[in-house]
Amino acid sequence: MDIEKVLKKYVPMTETAFYILLSLSKPRHGYGIVKHVEDISNSRIRLGSGTVYGTLTKMQKDGVIIVFADEDRKTVYEITEIGRRLILTEIQRVKELHHNAITFEEEFQC
């Protein structure tokens, strides 16, 4: 799948997809992804295995991640170049949201 199709399909990203990709700054097992998301969200997000593996399967099909087995034959997930471009695009979008939220927040406070 080419990058334009991937961007159209994923942007704006769901919070689940965003945090899963953020967790893949290095290759991780499924449980490692779940724990990393829980850690970086201060336990606000607790991903269920069905959600994680469903999202990972979709991302693999779309070329956002690759899957391989490590030396212990555990499944490991790694971001692809398309996935890197996707997460960087989404990070820029979120930065814009954050900037505008800070800029206009006072206008909504009484």
C-alpha atoms as a PDB file:
ATOM      1  CA  MET A   1       0.000   0.000   0.000  1.00  0.00           C
ATOM      2  CA  ASP A   2       1.380   3.446  -0.826  1.00  0.00           C
ATOM      3  CA  ILE A   3       1.832   6.192   1.738  1.00  0.00           C
ATOM      4  CA  GLU A   4      -1.017   8.370   0.445  1.00  0.00           C
ATOM      5  CA  LYS A   5      -3.528   5.535   0.852  1.00  0.00           C
ATOM      6  CA  VAL A   6      -2.191   4.775   4.320  1.00  0.00           C
ATOM      7  CA  LEU A   7      -2.411   8.432   5.378  1.00  0.00           C
ATOM      8  CA  LYS A   8      -5.958   8.676   4.054  1.00  0.00           C
ATOM      9  CA  LYS A   9      -6.943   5.497   5.904  1.00  0.00           C
ATOM     10  CA  TYR A  10      -5.309   6.313   9.268  1.00  0.00           C
ATOM     11  CA  VAL A  11      -5.245  10.117   9.681  1.00  0.00           C
ATOM     12  CA  PRO A  12      -6.711  11.213  11.999  1.00  0.00           C
ATOM     13  CA  MET A  13      -5.621   8.205  14.036  1.00  0.00           C
ATOM     14  CA  THR A  14      -7.529   6.559  16.810  1.00  0.00           C
ATOM     15  CA  GLU A  15      -5.899   6.952  20.186  1.00  0.00           C
ATOM     16  CA  THR A  16      -5.305   3.184  20.250  1.00  0.00           C
ATOM     17  CA  ALA A  17      -3.472   3.164  16.906  1.00  0.00           C
ATOM     18  CA  PHE A  18      -1.482   6.260  17.890  1.00  0.00           C
ATOM     19  CA  TYR A  19      -0.250   4.747  21.137  1.00  0.00           C
ATOM     20  CA  ILE A  20       0.503   1.386  19.550  1.00  0.00           C
ATOM     21  CA  LEU A  21       2.698   3.071  16.935  1.00  0.00           C
ATOM     22  CA  LEU A  22       4.358   5.258  19.586  1.00  0.00           C
ATOM     23  CA  SER A  23       5.236   2.030  21.384  1.00  0.00           C
ATOM     24  CA  LEU A  24       7.048   0.786  18.307  1.00  0.00           C
ATOM     25  CA  SER A  25       9.927   3.239  18.579  1.00  0.00           C
ATOM     26  CA  LYS A  26      11.700  -0.085  19.038  1.00  0.00           C
ATOM     27  CA  PRO A  27      10.493  -3.610  18.197  1.00  0.00           C
ATOM     28  CA  ARG A  28       8.216  -5.054  20.891  1.00  0.00           C
ATOM     29  CA  HIS A  29       6.112  -8.096  21.693  1.00  0.00           C
ATOM     30  CA  GLY A  30       2.359  -7.623  22.070  1.00  0.00           C
ATOM     31  CA  TYR A  31       2.547  -7.633  25.869  1.00  0.00           C
ATOM     32  CA  GLY A  32       5.398  -5.118  25.708  1.00  0.00           C
ATOM     33  CA  ILE A  33       3.183  -2.804  23.658  1.00  0.00           C
ATOM     34  CA  VAL A  34       0.341  -3.116  26.185  1.00  0.00           C
ATOM     35  CA  LYS A  35       2.668  -2.348  29.109  1.00  0.00           C
ATOM     36  CA  HIS A  36       4.370   0.562  27.301  1.00  0.00           C
ATOM     37  CA  VAL A  37       1.030   2.181  26.456  1.00  0.00           C
ATOM     38  CA  GLU A  38      -0.104   1.767  30.049  1.00  0.00           C
ATOM     39  CA  ASP A  39       3.165   3.311  31.306  1.00  0.00           C
ATOM     40  CA  ILE A  40       3.245   6.333  28.989  1.00  0.00           C
ATOM     41  CA  SER A  41      -0.471   7.078  29.523  1.00  0.00           C
ATOM     42  CA  ASN A  42      -0.118   6.865  33.332  1.00  0.00           C
ATOM     43  CA  SER A  43      -2.495   3.861  33.258  1.00  0.00           C
ATOM     44  CA  ARG A  44      -5.254   5.923  31.606  1.00  0.00           C
ATOM     45  CA  ILE A  45      -5.182   3.549  28.654  1.00  0.00           C
ATOM     46  CA  ARG A  46      -5.323  -0.176  29.292  1.00  0.00           C
ATOM     47  CA  LEU A  47      -5.482  -1.947  25.977  1.00  0.00           C
ATOM     48  CA  GLY A  48      -7.226  -5.292  25.754  1.00  0.00           C
ATOM     49  CA  SER A  49      -5.508  -8.033  23.807  1.00  0.00           C
ATOM     50  CA  GLY A  50      -8.312  -8.188  21.227  1.00  0.00           C
ATOM     51  CA  THR A  51      -7.965  -4.480  20.517  1.00  0.00           C
ATOM     52  CA  VAL A  52      -4.174  -4.643  20.292  1.00  0.00           C
ATOM     53  CA  TYR A  53      -3.974  -7.714  18.090  1.00  0.00           C
ATOM     54  CA  GLY A  54      -6.829  -6.539  15.870  1.00  0.00           C
ATOM     55  CA  THR A  55      -5.092  -3.198  15.312  1.00  0.00           C
ATOM     56  CA  LEU A  56      -1.692  -4.865  14.770  1.00  0.00           C
ATOM     57  CA  THR A  57      -3.190  -7.252  12.201  1.00  0.00           C
ATOM     58  CA  LYS A  58      -4.745  -4.342  10.306  1.00  0.00           C
ATOM     59  CA  MET A  59      -1.482  -2.376  10.448  1.00  0.00           C
ATOM     60  CA  GLN A  60       0.477  -5.370   9.165  1.00  0.00           C
ATOM     61  CA  LYS A  61      -1.938  -5.820   6.264  1.00  0.00           C
ATOM     62  CA  ASP A  62      -1.537  -2.131   5.390  1.00  0.00           C
ATOM     63  CA  GLY A  63       2.286  -2.224   5.526  1.00  0.00           C
ATOM     64  CA  VAL A  64       2.528   0.016   8.596  1.00  0.00           C
ATOM     65  CA  ILE A  65       4.324  -2.656  10.629  1.00  0.00           C
ATOM     66  CA  ILE A  66       6.097  -5.944  10.013  1.00  0.00           C
ATOM     67  CA  VAL A  67       5.904  -9.039  12.157  1.00  0.00           C
ATOM     68  CA  PHE A  68       8.666 -11.526  12.842  1.00  0.00           C
ATOM     69  CA  ALA A  69       9.666 -14.103  15.440  1.00  0.00           C
ATOM     70  CA  ASP A  70      12.577 -13.489  17.809  1.00  0.00           C
ATOM     71  CA  GLU A  71      15.107 -16.067  18.991  1.00  0.00           C
ATOM     72  CA  ASP A  72      12.518 -17.409  21.480  1.00  0.00           C
ATOM     73  CA  ARG A  73       9.952 -17.681  18.683  1.00  0.00           C
ATOM     74  CA  LYS A  74       7.876 -14.917  20.238  1.00  0.00           C
ATOM     75  CA  THR A  75       6.048 -12.610  17.856  1.00  0.00           C
ATOM     76  CA  VAL A  76       7.698  -9.190  17.549  1.00  0.00           C
ATOM     77  CA  TYR A  77       6.226  -6.095  15.897  1.00  0.00           C
ATOM     78  CA  GLU A  78       8.327  -3.443  14.160  1.00  0.00           C
ATOM     79  CA  ILE A  79       7.351  -0.211  12.426  1.00  0.00           C
ATOM     80  CA  THR A  80       8.056   0.134   8.685  1.00  0.00           C
ATOM     81  CA  GLU A  81       9.160   3.210   6.778  1.00  0.00           C
ATOM     82  CA  ILE A  82       5.517   3.816   5.830  1.00  0.00           C
ATOM     83  CA  GLY A  83       4.619   3.498   9.521  1.00  0.00           C
ATOM     84  CA  ARG A  84       7.300   6.039  10.457  1.00  0.00           C
ATOM     85  CA  ARG A  85       5.941   8.531   7.947  1.00  0.00           C
ATOM     86  CA  LEU A  86       2.429   7.882   9.253  1.00  0.00           C
ATOM     87  CA  ILE A  87       3.280   8.465  12.928  1.00  0.00           C
ATOM     88  CA  LEU A  88       5.313  11.594  12.107  1.00  0.00           C
ATOM     89  CA  THR A  89       2.372  12.980  10.105  1.00  0.00           C
ATOM     90  CA  GLU A  90       0.026  12.281  13.000  1.00  0.00           C
ATOM     91  CA  ILE A  91       2.444  13.808  15.521  1.00  0.00           C
ATOM     92  CA  GLN A  92       2.463  17.029  13.471  1.00  0.00           C
ATOM     93  CA  ARG A  93      -1.356  17.021  13.404  1.00  0.00           C
ATOM     94  CA  VAL A  94      -1.504  16.519  17.181  1.00  0.00           C
ATOM     95  CA  LYS A  95       1.039  19.313  17.721  1.00  0.00           C
ATOM     96  CA  GLU A  96      -1.230  21.651  15.748  1.00  0.00           C
ATOM     97  CA  LEU A  97      -4.217  20.566  17.862  1.00  0.00           C
ATOM     98  CA  HIS A  98      -2.222  21.188  21.032  1.00  0.00           C
ATOM     99  CA  HIS A  99      -1.037  24.607  19.866  1.00  0.00           C
ATOM    100  CA  ASN A 100      -4.579  25.689  18.971  1.00  0.00           C
ATOM    101  CA  ALA A 101      -5.997  24.293  22.222  1.00  0.00           C
ATOM    102  CA  ILE A 102      -3.509  26.356  24.245  1.00  0.00           C
ATOM    103  CA  THR A 103      -4.082  29.432  22.069  1.00  0.00           C
ATOM    104  CA  PHE A 104      -7.864  29.409  22.398  1.00  0.00           C
ATOM    105  CA  GLU A 105      -8.372  27.846  25.830  1.00  0.00           C
ATOM    106  CA  GLU A 106      -8.806  31.164  27.656  1.00  0.00           C
ATOM    107  CA  GLU A 107     -11.668  32.177  25.358  1.00  0.00           C
ATOM    108  CA  PHE A 108     -13.762  29.355  26.820  1.00  0.00           C
ATOM    109  CA  GLN A 109     -13.060  29.965  30.480  1.00  0.00           C
ATOM    110  CA  CYS A 110     -15.526  32.034  32.474  1.00  0.00           C
END
